Protein backbone atom coordinates (compact mmCIF):
# COMPACT_ATOMS: atom_id res chain seq x y z
CA MET A 1 -19.89 -24.15 7.89
CA ARG A 2 -19.16 -26.41 4.77
CA MET A 3 -17.76 -24.35 1.52
CA THR A 4 -20.35 -25.16 -1.47
CA PRO A 5 -19.20 -25.26 -4.69
CA LEU A 6 -21.51 -22.52 -5.13
CA ARG A 7 -20.48 -20.75 -2.31
CA ALA A 8 -16.76 -20.71 -2.90
CA GLY A 9 -18.09 -19.57 -6.38
CA LEU A 10 -19.78 -16.52 -4.86
CA ALA A 11 -17.02 -15.26 -2.43
CA ALA A 12 -13.98 -15.40 -5.26
CA ALA A 13 -16.92 -13.59 -7.52
CA SER A 14 -17.70 -11.33 -4.28
CA PHE A 15 -13.37 -10.41 -3.74
CA ALA A 16 -13.51 -9.81 -7.36
CA VAL A 17 -16.07 -7.14 -7.69
CA PHE A 18 -14.68 -5.09 -4.31
CA ALA A 19 -10.88 -5.37 -5.78
CA GLY A 20 -12.28 -4.25 -9.18
CA LEU A 21 -13.95 -1.44 -7.88
CA GLY A 22 -10.79 -0.56 -5.60
CA LEU A 23 -12.57 -0.31 -2.61
CA ALA A 24 -9.95 1.30 0.72
CA VAL A 25 -9.76 -0.79 3.15
CA ALA A 26 -7.82 0.57 6.63
CA GLY A 27 -6.16 2.98 4.80
CA GLN A 28 -5.21 1.12 1.40
CA THR A 29 -7.18 0.00 -1.85
CA VAL A 30 -6.50 -2.77 -3.96
CA GLY A 31 -6.44 -2.49 -7.31
CA ALA A 32 -4.97 -4.69 -10.15
CA PRO A 33 -3.62 -7.63 -8.40
CA GLY A 34 -0.38 -7.27 -6.33
CA ALA A 35 -0.98 -3.03 -6.76
CA ILE A 36 -2.06 -1.45 -3.67
CA GLN A 37 -3.20 2.36 -3.15
CA ALA A 38 -1.87 3.57 0.16
CA ALA A 39 -2.68 7.34 1.97
CA ILE A 40 -0.48 9.82 3.35
CA LYS A 41 -2.51 11.81 5.50
CA ASN A 42 -2.81 13.65 8.86
CA PHE A 43 1.44 13.39 8.77
CA SER A 44 0.96 9.52 9.32
CA PHE A 45 1.15 6.63 6.26
CA GLN A 46 -2.77 5.38 6.66
CA ALA A 47 -1.71 1.96 6.14
CA PRO A 48 0.84 1.22 8.61
CA THR A 49 1.82 -2.10 7.38
CA ILE A 50 0.89 -3.07 3.99
CA THR A 51 1.23 -6.75 2.78
CA VAL A 52 1.84 -7.52 -0.93
CA PRO A 53 3.16 -10.47 -3.02
CA VAL A 54 6.01 -10.87 -4.56
CA GLY A 55 6.46 -7.84 -7.61
CA GLY A 56 3.60 -6.46 -5.71
CA SER A 57 3.74 -2.80 -6.11
CA VAL A 58 2.43 -0.10 -3.67
CA THR A 59 1.76 3.63 -4.55
CA TRP A 60 1.67 6.45 -1.69
CA THR A 61 -0.61 9.22 -2.51
CA ASN A 62 -0.01 12.55 -0.19
CA HIS A 63 -2.91 13.82 0.68
CA ASP A 64 -1.51 16.46 2.69
CA GLY A 65 -0.52 19.88 2.28
CA GLU A 66 2.96 19.76 3.26
CA PRO A 67 5.57 17.54 1.24
CA HIS A 68 6.44 14.09 2.52
CA THR A 69 8.59 11.09 0.93
CA VAL A 70 8.47 7.38 1.32
CA THR A 71 11.65 6.02 2.32
CA GLY A 72 13.47 3.13 2.72
CA ILE A 73 15.81 2.28 6.08
CA ASP A 74 17.22 -0.14 4.41
CA GLY A 75 18.16 3.07 1.14
CA SER A 76 15.82 0.38 -0.87
CA PHE A 77 13.59 2.56 -2.44
CA ARG A 78 13.19 6.60 -1.98
CA SER A 79 10.80 9.21 -3.53
CA GLU A 80 11.39 12.76 -4.15
CA ALA A 81 9.30 14.92 -1.83
CA LEU A 82 5.76 14.44 -2.42
CA ASP A 83 3.71 17.68 -2.90
CA GLU A 84 -0.33 17.36 -2.13
CA ASP A 85 -1.78 15.17 -4.51
CA ASP A 86 1.80 13.88 -5.83
CA THR A 87 2.65 9.86 -5.84
CA TYR A 88 5.19 7.25 -5.53
CA THR A 89 5.36 4.41 -6.68
CA PHE A 90 7.36 1.26 -6.47
CA ARG A 91 7.86 -2.64 -7.13
CA PHE A 92 8.88 -4.61 -4.40
CA THR A 93 11.15 -8.01 -6.49
CA LYS A 94 12.19 -9.59 -3.33
CA PRO A 95 10.04 -11.19 -0.38
CA GLY A 96 10.75 -9.66 2.94
CA VAL A 97 10.17 -6.97 5.29
CA TYR A 98 10.82 -3.42 4.58
CA GLN A 99 10.99 -0.33 6.72
CA TYR A 100 10.25 3.28 5.81
CA ILE A 101 9.61 6.66 7.18
CA CYS A 102 9.11 9.68 6.01
CA THR A 103 12.45 11.53 6.19
CA ILE A 104 11.03 14.86 6.55
CA HIS A 105 9.01 13.75 9.33
CA PRO A 106 10.57 10.62 11.34
CA LYS A 107 8.33 10.22 13.23
CA MET A 108 5.82 9.14 10.43
CA ARG A 109 6.43 5.11 10.11
CA GLY A 110 5.12 1.95 7.73
CA THR A 111 6.05 -1.65 7.06
CA VAL A 112 6.07 -3.34 3.87
CA ILE A 113 5.74 -7.27 4.30
CA VAL A 114 6.35 -8.68 0.80
CA LYS A 115 5.42 -12.54 0.68
């Protein structure tokens, strides 16, 4: 199917509406450009792989009744223990692949890809 100017405009408008509403996609929410909301729930990172642009940020919110941390395996970022409904935000300024864990529950793992 050929992308006409009308279709391109509708596609861009649809994306802007969905991003503006912050609709959830696979455990993460798109808000401001480059800002991702990621849920911690049921003792797991609900979006185990997150992709953000350089300069983008991820905000994790703990929805469990137990504390969790968000800690880069390489030591580049580390949250305090997050109680229920607490958040932690980190801005990624360099491209790369960042693996992270919950230091309280080390089987909880995730990855942020920064492009």
